[in-house]
C-alpha atoms as a PDB file:
ATOM      1  CA  UNK A   1     -26.468  36.194   3.838  1.00  0.00           C
ATOM      2  CA  UNK A   2     -24.304  33.184   4.761  1.00  0.00           C
ATOM      3  CA  UNK A   3     -26.476  30.163   6.654  1.00  0.00           C
ATOM      4  CA  UNK A   4     -24.916  27.395   8.903  1.00  0.00           C
ATOM      5  CA  UNK A   5     -25.442  23.793   6.890  1.00  0.00           C
ATOM      6  CA  UNK A   6     -27.085  21.339   8.924  1.00  0.00           C
ATOM      7  CA  UNK A   7     -25.682  19.777  11.453  1.00  0.00           C
ATOM      8  CA  UNK A   8     -24.425  15.831  11.141  1.00  0.00           C
ATOM      9  CA  UNK A   9     -26.114  13.577  13.536  1.00  0.00           C
ATOM     10  CA  UNK A  10     -25.179   9.990  14.600  1.00  0.00           C
ATOM     11  CA  UNK A  11     -27.954   7.074  14.417  1.00  0.00           C
ATOM     12  CA  UNK A  12     -27.163   7.711  18.108  1.00  0.00           C
ATOM     13  CA  UNK A  13     -28.217  11.164  18.430  1.00  0.00           C
ATOM     14  CA  UNK A  14     -25.050  12.455  19.242  1.00  0.00           C
ATOM     15  CA  UNK A  15     -24.017  15.882  17.007  1.00  0.00           C
ATOM     16  CA  UNK A  16     -20.662  15.702  15.423  1.00  0.00           C
ATOM     17  CA  UNK A  17     -19.027  18.922  15.102  1.00  0.00           C
ATOM     18  CA  UNK A  18     -17.358  17.722  11.848  1.00  0.00           C
ATOM     19  CA  UNK A  19     -17.281  20.903   8.971  1.00  0.00           C
ATOM     20  CA  UNK A  20     -18.629  19.969   5.766  1.00  0.00           C
ATOM     21  CA  UNK A  21     -16.226  20.480   2.858  1.00  0.00           C
ATOM     22  CA  UNK A  22     -16.908  23.333   0.363  1.00  0.00           C
ATOM     23  CA  UNK A  23     -17.570  23.664  -3.186  1.00  0.00           C
ATOM     24  CA  UNK A  24     -14.504  25.110  -4.423  1.00  0.00           C
ATOM     25  CA  UNK A  25     -12.479  22.867  -2.293  1.00  0.00           C
ATOM     26  CA  UNK A  26     -13.272  19.781  -3.226  1.00  0.00           C
ATOM     27  CA  UNK A  27     -13.722  21.361  -6.740  1.00  0.00           C
ATOM     28  CA  UNK A  28      -9.878  21.773  -6.470  1.00  0.00           C
ATOM     29  CA  UNK A  29      -9.331  18.015  -4.893  1.00  0.00           C
ATOM     30  CA  UNK A  30     -11.540  16.914  -8.251  1.00  0.00           C
ATOM     31  CA  UNK A  31      -9.050  18.913  -9.898  1.00  0.00           C
ATOM     32  CA  UNK A  32      -6.221  16.475  -9.220  1.00  0.00           C
ATOM     33  CA  UNK A  33      -7.986  12.894  -9.123  1.00  0.00           C
ATOM     34  CA  UNK A  34      -8.904  14.295 -12.581  1.00  0.00           C
ATOM     35  CA  UNK A  35      -5.134  14.663 -13.673  1.00  0.00           C
ATOM     36  CA  UNK A  36      -4.548  11.142 -12.260  1.00  0.00           C
ATOM     37  CA  UNK A  37      -7.309   9.640 -13.976  1.00  0.00           C
ATOM     38  CA  UNK A  38      -6.035  11.186 -17.479  1.00  0.00           C
ATOM     39  CA  UNK A  39      -2.638   9.818 -16.993  1.00  0.00           C
ATOM     40  CA  UNK A  40      -3.353   6.185 -15.548  1.00  0.00           C
ATOM     41  CA  UNK A  41      -5.707   6.575 -18.651  1.00  0.00           C
ATOM     42  CA  UNK A  42      -2.541   7.836 -21.375  1.00  0.00           C
ATOM     43  CA  UNK A  43      -0.678   4.988 -20.021  1.00  0.00           C
ATOM     44  CA  UNK A  44      -3.139   2.329 -19.763  1.00  0.00           C
ATOM     45  CA  UNK A  45      -3.953   2.940 -23.768  1.00  0.00           C
ATOM     46  CA  UNK A  46      -0.019   3.860 -24.721  1.00  0.00           C
ATOM     47  CA  UNK A  47       0.395   0.499 -22.653  1.00  0.00           C
ATOM     48  CA  UNK A  48      -2.718  -0.830 -24.766  1.00  0.00           C
ATOM     49  CA  UNK A  49      -1.182   0.809 -28.221  1.00  0.00           C
ATOM     50  CA  UNK A  50       2.450  -0.412 -27.757  1.00  0.00           C
ATOM     51  CA  UNK A  51       1.087  -4.372 -26.913  1.00  0.00           C
ATOM     52  CA  UNK A  52      -2.328  -5.402 -28.938  1.00  0.00           C
ATOM     53  CA  UNK A  53      -1.913  -4.288 -32.915  1.00  0.00           C
ATOM     54  CA  UNK A  54      -3.165  -6.899 -34.390  1.00  0.00           C
ATOM     55  CA  UNK A  55      -6.111  -6.619 -32.892  1.00  0.00           C
ATOM     56  CA  UNK A  56      -9.849  -6.227 -34.986  1.00  0.00           C
ATOM     57  CA  UNK A  57     -11.457  -3.443 -35.164  1.00  0.00           C
ATOM     58  CA  UNK A  58     -14.180  -4.606 -33.441  1.00  0.00           C
ATOM     59  CA  UNK A  59     -12.683  -5.843 -30.791  1.00  0.00           C
ATOM     60  CA  UNK A  60     -10.700  -3.086 -30.071  1.00  0.00           C
ATOM     61  CA  UNK A  61     -12.901  -0.746 -30.095  1.00  0.00           C
ATOM     62  CA  UNK A  62     -15.315  -2.828 -27.345  1.00  0.00           C
ATOM     63  CA  UNK A  63     -11.516  -2.693 -24.982  1.00  0.00           C
ATOM     64  CA  UNK A  64     -11.413   1.156 -25.110  1.00  0.00           C
ATOM     65  CA  UNK A  65     -14.734   1.099 -24.271  1.00  0.00           C
ATOM     66  CA  UNK A  66     -14.644  -1.764 -21.111  1.00  0.00           C
ATOM     67  CA  UNK A  67     -10.433  -0.101 -20.292  1.00  0.00           C
ATOM     68  CA  UNK A  68     -12.845   3.729 -20.923  1.00  0.00           C
ATOM     69  CA  UNK A  69     -15.149   2.861 -18.189  1.00  0.00           C
ATOM     70  CA  UNK A  70     -12.992   0.354 -15.728  1.00  0.00           C
ATOM     71  CA  UNK A  71     -10.829   3.957 -15.048  1.00  0.00           C
ATOM     72  CA  UNK A  72     -13.335   6.286 -14.820  1.00  0.00           C
ATOM     73  CA  UNK A  73     -15.157   4.503 -11.757  1.00  0.00           C
ATOM     74  CA  UNK A  74     -12.866   2.604 -11.107  1.00  0.00           C
ATOM     75  CA  UNK A  75     -10.118   5.241  -9.958  1.00  0.00           C
ATOM     76  CA  UNK A  76     -12.865   6.316  -7.488  1.00  0.00           C
ATOM     77  CA  UNK A  77     -14.077   3.087  -6.398  1.00  0.00           C
ATOM     78  CA  UNK A  78     -10.931   1.668  -5.603  1.00  0.00           C
ATOM     79  CA  UNK A  79      -9.773   5.094  -3.791  1.00  0.00           C
ATOM     80  CA  UNK A  80     -13.120   5.112  -1.823  1.00  0.00           C
ATOM     81  CA  UNK A  81     -13.395   2.063  -0.347  1.00  0.00           C
ATOM     82  CA  UNK A  82     -10.199   0.886   0.539  1.00  0.00           C
ATOM     83  CA  UNK A  83      -8.555   4.137   1.771  1.00  0.00           C
ATOM     84  CA  UNK A  84     -12.486   4.258   3.733  1.00  0.00           C
ATOM     85  CA  UNK A  85     -13.561   7.874   1.667  1.00  0.00           C
ATOM     86  CA  UNK A  86     -10.585   9.446   0.443  1.00  0.00           C
ATOM     87  CA  UNK A  87      -8.866   9.717  -2.970  1.00  0.00           C
ATOM     88  CA  UNK A  88      -5.085  11.826  -3.396  1.00  0.00           C
ATOM     89  CA  UNK A  89      -7.276  14.525  -4.333  1.00  0.00           C
ATOM     90  CA  UNK A  90      -8.982  14.739  -1.108  1.00  0.00           C
ATOM     91  CA  UNK A  91      -6.025  12.658   0.997  1.00  0.00           C
ATOM     92  CA  UNK A  92      -4.094  16.208  -0.700  1.00  0.00           C
ATOM     93  CA  UNK A  93      -6.527  18.249   0.650  1.00  0.00           C
ATOM     94  CA  UNK A  94      -8.285  17.021   3.841  1.00  0.00           C
ATOM     95  CA  UNK A  95     -11.013  15.482   3.185  1.00  0.00           C
ATOM     96  CA  UNK A  96     -12.977  12.481   3.559  1.00  0.00           C
ATOM     97  CA  UNK A  97     -15.964  11.002   2.042  1.00  0.00           C
ATOM     98  CA  UNK A  98     -18.786   9.998   5.963  1.00  0.00           C
ATOM     99  CA  UNK A  99     -21.649   8.491   5.696  1.00  0.00           C
ATOM    100  CA  UNK A 100     -24.297  10.735   6.214  1.00  0.00           C
ATOM    101  CA  UNK A 101     -24.259   9.661  10.575  1.00  0.00           C
ATOM    102  CA  UNK A 102     -20.114  10.572  10.213  1.00  0.00           C
ATOM    103  CA  UNK A 103     -19.760   6.420   9.738  1.00  0.00           C
ATOM    104  CA  UNK A 104     -16.704   5.259   7.594  1.00  0.00           C
ATOM    105  CA  UNK A 105     -17.744   4.990   3.990  1.00  0.00           C
ATOM    106  CA  UNK A 106     -18.893   1.512   2.560  1.00  0.00           C
ATOM    107  CA  UNK A 107     -18.369  -0.032  -0.666  1.00  0.00           C
ATOM    108  CA  UNK A 108     -22.013   0.174  -1.774  1.00  0.00           C
ATOM    109  CA  UNK A 109     -21.489   4.056  -1.439  1.00  0.00           C
ATOM    110  CA  UNK A 110     -18.511   4.048  -3.201  1.00  0.00           C
ATOM    111  CA  UNK A 111     -20.243   2.324  -6.000  1.00  0.00           C
ATOM    112  CA  UNK A 112     -22.804   4.276  -6.414  1.00  0.00           C
ATOM    113  CA  UNK A 113     -21.144   7.884  -5.871  1.00  0.00           C
ATOM    114  CA  UNK A 114     -18.499   6.857  -8.673  1.00  0.00           C
ATOM    115  CA  UNK A 115     -21.405   5.771 -10.671  1.00  0.00           C
ATOM    116  CA  UNK A 116     -23.674   8.721 -10.545  1.00  0.00           C
ATOM    117  CA  UNK A 117     -20.083  10.410 -10.262  1.00  0.00           C
ATOM    118  CA  UNK A 118     -19.322   8.696 -14.166  1.00  0.00           C
ATOM    119  CA  UNK A 119     -22.078  10.328 -15.442  1.00  0.00           C
ATOM    120  CA  UNK A 120     -22.383  14.225 -13.304  1.00  0.00           C
ATOM    121  CA  UNK A 121     -19.134  14.652 -13.378  1.00  0.00           C
ATOM    122  CA  UNK A 122     -17.461  13.047 -16.706  1.00  0.00           C
ATOM    123  CA  UNK A 123     -20.459  12.718 -19.491  1.00  0.00           C
ATOM    124  CA  UNK A 124     -22.592  15.658 -18.143  1.00  0.00           C
ATOM    125  CA  UNK A 125     -19.262  18.125 -17.940  1.00  0.00           C
ATOM    126  CA  UNK A 126     -19.656  18.532 -13.836  1.00  0.00           C
ATOM    127  CA  UNK A 127     -22.077  20.857 -14.124  1.00  0.00           C
ATOM    128  CA  UNK A 128     -25.462  19.130 -12.706  1.00  0.00           C
ATOM    129  CA  UNK A 129     -23.133  18.263  -9.637  1.00  0.00           C
ATOM    130  CA  UNK A 130     -22.131  22.273  -9.565  1.00  0.00           C
ATOM    131  CA  UNK A 131     -25.599  23.251  -9.360  1.00  0.00           C
ATOM    132  CA  UNK A 132     -26.967  20.723  -6.524  1.00  0.00           C
ATOM    133  CA  UNK A 133     -24.125  21.059  -4.567  1.00  0.00           C
ATOM    134  CA  UNK A 134     -24.888  24.864  -4.404  1.00  0.00           C
ATOM    135  CA  UNK A 135     -28.278  24.487  -3.916  1.00  0.00           C
ATOM    136  CA  UNK A 136     -27.708  21.535  -0.495  1.00  0.00           C
ATOM    137  CA  UNK A 137     -26.756  22.678   3.312  1.00  0.00           C
ATOM    138  CA  UNK A 138     -24.685  20.577   2.900  1.00  0.00           C
ATOM    139  CA  UNK A 139     -22.457  21.166  -0.116  1.00  0.00           C
ATOM    140  CA  UNK A 140     -23.968  17.300  -1.830  1.00  0.00           C
ATOM    141  CA  UNK A 141     -24.139  16.671  -4.985  1.00  0.00           C
ATOM    142  CA  UNK A 142     -25.904  14.383  -6.998  1.00  0.00           C
ATOM    143  CA  UNK A 143     -23.362  11.560  -6.085  1.00  0.00           C
ATOM    144  CA  UNK A 144     -23.881  11.617  -2.291  1.00  0.00           C
ATOM    145  CA  UNK A 145     -27.576  12.017  -2.530  1.00  0.00           C
ATOM    146  CA  UNK A 146     -27.933   8.557  -3.400  1.00  0.00           C
ATOM    147  CA  UNK A 147     -25.309   6.892  -1.799  1.00  0.00           C
ATOM    148  CA  UNK A 148     -26.088   9.183   1.380  1.00  0.00           C
ATOM    149  CA  UNK A 149     -22.768  10.574   1.972  1.00  0.00           C
ATOM    150  CA  UNK A 150     -21.222  14.486   3.450  1.00  0.00           C
ATOM    151  CA  UNK A 151     -17.617  15.179   2.086  1.00  0.00           C
ATOM    152  CA  UNK A 152     -16.324  16.518   5.154  1.00  0.00           C
ATOM    153  CA  UNK A 153     -13.220  18.374   5.853  1.00  0.00           C
ATOM    154  CA  UNK A 154     -10.213  16.515   7.872  1.00  0.00           C
ATOM    155  CA  UNK A 155      -7.777  19.573   8.191  1.00  0.00           C
ATOM    156  CA  UNK A 156      -9.244  21.946  10.569  1.00  0.00           C
ATOM    157  CA  UNK A 157      -7.010  25.494  11.585  1.00  0.00           C
ATOM    158  CA  UNK A 158      -6.565  24.694  15.765  1.00  0.00           C
ATOM    159  CA  UNK A 159      -8.221  26.515  17.683  1.00  0.00           C
ATOM    160  CA  UNK A 160      -7.041  28.326  20.704  1.00  0.00           C
ATOM    161  CA  UNK A 161      -7.213  27.262  24.140  1.00  0.00           C
ATOM    162  CA  UNK A 162     -10.531  28.439  26.320  1.00  0.00           C
ATOM    163  CA  UNK A 163      -8.311  31.239  28.766  1.00  0.00           C
ATOM    164  CA  UNK A 164      -7.068  29.925  32.634  1.00  0.00           C
ATOM    165  CA  UNK A 165      -9.934  30.246  34.840  1.00  0.00           C
END
């Protein structure tokens, strides 16, 4: 038996008629984002290898660690902040991150989502995110719970007009 997700209610007690994004669609958007991140990461590594060949080993390791964290946290943070809750994967599949009250995602929320995503998606290979999303009525992962956000589907099938009277 499939339960209906809870509706999104604004601070003014207005029920929004939006559709919560399902886990398979979110997974496809995440896969697109992972591909983009790996492309940027390997391009950055190639440029780094060409530019800084004479550095000390400890400095090289420190730069690579900082570059890795900035890539894995910076991409979702910058993309979701500048595009008001969308990354390239979310744009491709018609998804958007919004606040629980239906407003646009803010920088603080994108930061919480990106930091939690670094741990739950990259360090723990997405297991906690999938489990939490399956258990949540609104399909939230841990980063969504921390940030107070929800992922919605912007592209919904058009409904037929009501019959003429």
